Amino acid sequence: MKIKEIRDLGINELKQKDSELMEELFRLRIRHASGQLESTAMLGRLRKDIARIKSVLKEKEAVN
């Protein structure tokens, strides 16, 4: 996700997106551990997206 897309989301949407991405990361980690994951680059991209969302969420919560 692009940072601009993330900044356009509301607080509730960011929290929902964060939980969805955390679940997806969990599933990818399980697939990676069992050897079924072909591209491990997805893990890194997903972790960075989660970090971006958490950063923007903290910024928005600090303002409110």
C-alpha atoms as a PDB file:
ATOM      1  CA  MET A   1       0.000   0.000   0.000  1.00  0.00           C
ATOM      2  CA  LYS A   2       1.086   3.528  -0.673  1.00  0.00           C
ATOM      3  CA  ILE A   3       1.395   5.933   2.252  1.00  0.00           C
ATOM      4  CA  LYS A   4      -1.071   8.319   0.587  1.00  0.00           C
ATOM      5  CA  GLU A   5      -3.713   5.571   0.495  1.00  0.00           C
ATOM      6  CA  ILE A   6      -3.091   4.842   4.168  1.00  0.00           C
ATOM      7  CA  ARG A   7      -3.316   8.502   5.201  1.00  0.00           C
ATOM      8  CA  ASP A   8      -6.688   8.827   3.447  1.00  0.00           C
ATOM      9  CA  LEU A   9      -8.228   6.129   5.668  1.00  0.00           C
ATOM     10  CA  GLY A  10     -10.012   6.905   8.930  1.00  0.00           C
ATOM     11  CA  ILE A  11      -8.993   5.618  12.353  1.00  0.00           C
ATOM     12  CA  ASN A  12     -11.528   2.767  12.360  1.00  0.00           C
ATOM     13  CA  GLU A  13     -10.542   1.746   8.836  1.00  0.00           C
ATOM     14  CA  LEU A  14      -6.870   1.752   9.830  1.00  0.00           C
ATOM     15  CA  LYS A  15      -7.552  -0.492  12.819  1.00  0.00           C
ATOM     16  CA  GLN A  16      -9.549  -2.883  10.645  1.00  0.00           C
ATOM     17  CA  LYS A  17      -6.857  -2.932   7.957  1.00  0.00           C
ATOM     18  CA  ASP A  18      -4.183  -3.548  10.624  1.00  0.00           C
ATOM     19  CA  SER A  19      -6.017  -6.589  11.977  1.00  0.00           C
ATOM     20  CA  GLU A  20      -6.586  -7.950   8.467  1.00  0.00           C
ATOM     21  CA  LEU A  21      -2.913  -7.608   7.581  1.00  0.00           C
ATOM     22  CA  MET A  22      -1.838  -9.192  10.876  1.00  0.00           C
ATOM     23  CA  GLU A  23      -4.031 -12.220  10.114  1.00  0.00           C
ATOM     24  CA  GLU A  24      -2.616 -12.432   6.601  1.00  0.00           C
ATOM     25  CA  LEU A  25       0.942 -12.223   7.981  1.00  0.00           C
ATOM     26  CA  PHE A  26       0.143 -15.066  10.375  1.00  0.00           C
ATOM     27  CA  ARG A  27      -1.126 -17.226   7.505  1.00  0.00           C
ATOM     28  CA  LEU A  28       1.957 -16.442   5.413  1.00  0.00           C
ATOM     29  CA  ARG A  29       4.265 -17.328   8.300  1.00  0.00           C
ATOM     30  CA  ILE A  30       2.553 -20.697   8.650  1.00  0.00           C
ATOM     31  CA  ARG A  31       2.885 -21.327   4.908  1.00  0.00           C
ATOM     32  CA  HIS A  32       6.553 -20.296   5.073  1.00  0.00           C
ATOM     33  CA  ALA A  33       7.240 -22.635   7.991  1.00  0.00           C
ATOM     34  CA  SER A  34       5.632 -25.550   6.154  1.00  0.00           C
ATOM     35  CA  GLY A  35       7.575 -24.805   2.975  1.00  0.00           C
ATOM     36  CA  GLN A  36       4.552 -23.884   0.851  1.00  0.00           C
ATOM     37  CA  LEU A  37       5.405 -20.183   0.405  1.00  0.00           C
ATOM     38  CA  GLU A  38       7.088 -19.487  -2.916  1.00  0.00           C
ATOM     39  CA  SER A  39       7.917 -15.793  -2.516  1.00  0.00           C
ATOM     40  CA  THR A  40       9.270 -14.718   0.860  1.00  0.00           C
ATOM     41  CA  ALA A  41       9.339 -11.108  -0.328  1.00  0.00           C
ATOM     42  CA  MET A  42       5.628 -10.941   0.512  1.00  0.00           C
ATOM     43  CA  LEU A  43       6.497 -11.265   4.189  1.00  0.00           C
ATOM     44  CA  GLY A  44       8.686  -8.176   4.105  1.00  0.00           C
ATOM     45  CA  ARG A  45       6.167  -6.117   2.148  1.00  0.00           C
ATOM     46  CA  LEU A  46       3.401  -7.073   4.533  1.00  0.00           C
ATOM     47  CA  ARG A  47       5.476  -6.205   7.605  1.00  0.00           C
ATOM     48  CA  LYS A  48       6.294  -2.798   6.120  1.00  0.00           C
ATOM     49  CA  ASP A  49       2.624  -2.145   5.327  1.00  0.00           C
ATOM     50  CA  ILE A  50       1.699  -2.995   8.911  1.00  0.00           C
ATOM     51  CA  ALA A  51       4.384  -0.636  10.203  1.00  0.00           C
ATOM     52  CA  ARG A  52       3.126   2.156   7.951  1.00  0.00           C
ATOM     53  CA  ILE A  53      -0.444   1.660   9.130  1.00  0.00           C
ATOM     54  CA  LYS A  54       0.584   1.652  12.783  1.00  0.00           C
ATOM     55  CA  SER A  55       2.625   4.829  12.308  1.00  0.00           C
ATOM     56  CA  VAL A  56      -0.233   6.712  10.659  1.00  0.00           C
ATOM     57  CA  LEU A  57      -2.656   5.388  13.284  1.00  0.00           C
ATOM     58  CA  LYS A  58      -0.455   6.725  16.090  1.00  0.00           C
ATOM     59  CA  GLU A  59      -0.215  10.095  14.340  1.00  0.00           C
ATOM     60  CA  LYS A  60      -3.994  10.342  13.958  1.00  0.00           C
ATOM     61  CA  GLU A  61      -4.655   9.240  17.533  1.00  0.00           C
ATOM     62  CA  ALA A  62      -2.187  11.840  18.837  1.00  0.00           C
ATOM     63  CA  VAL A  63      -4.036  14.590  17.006  1.00  0.00           C
ATOM     64  CA  ASN A  64      -7.440  13.590  18.390  1.00  0.00           C
END
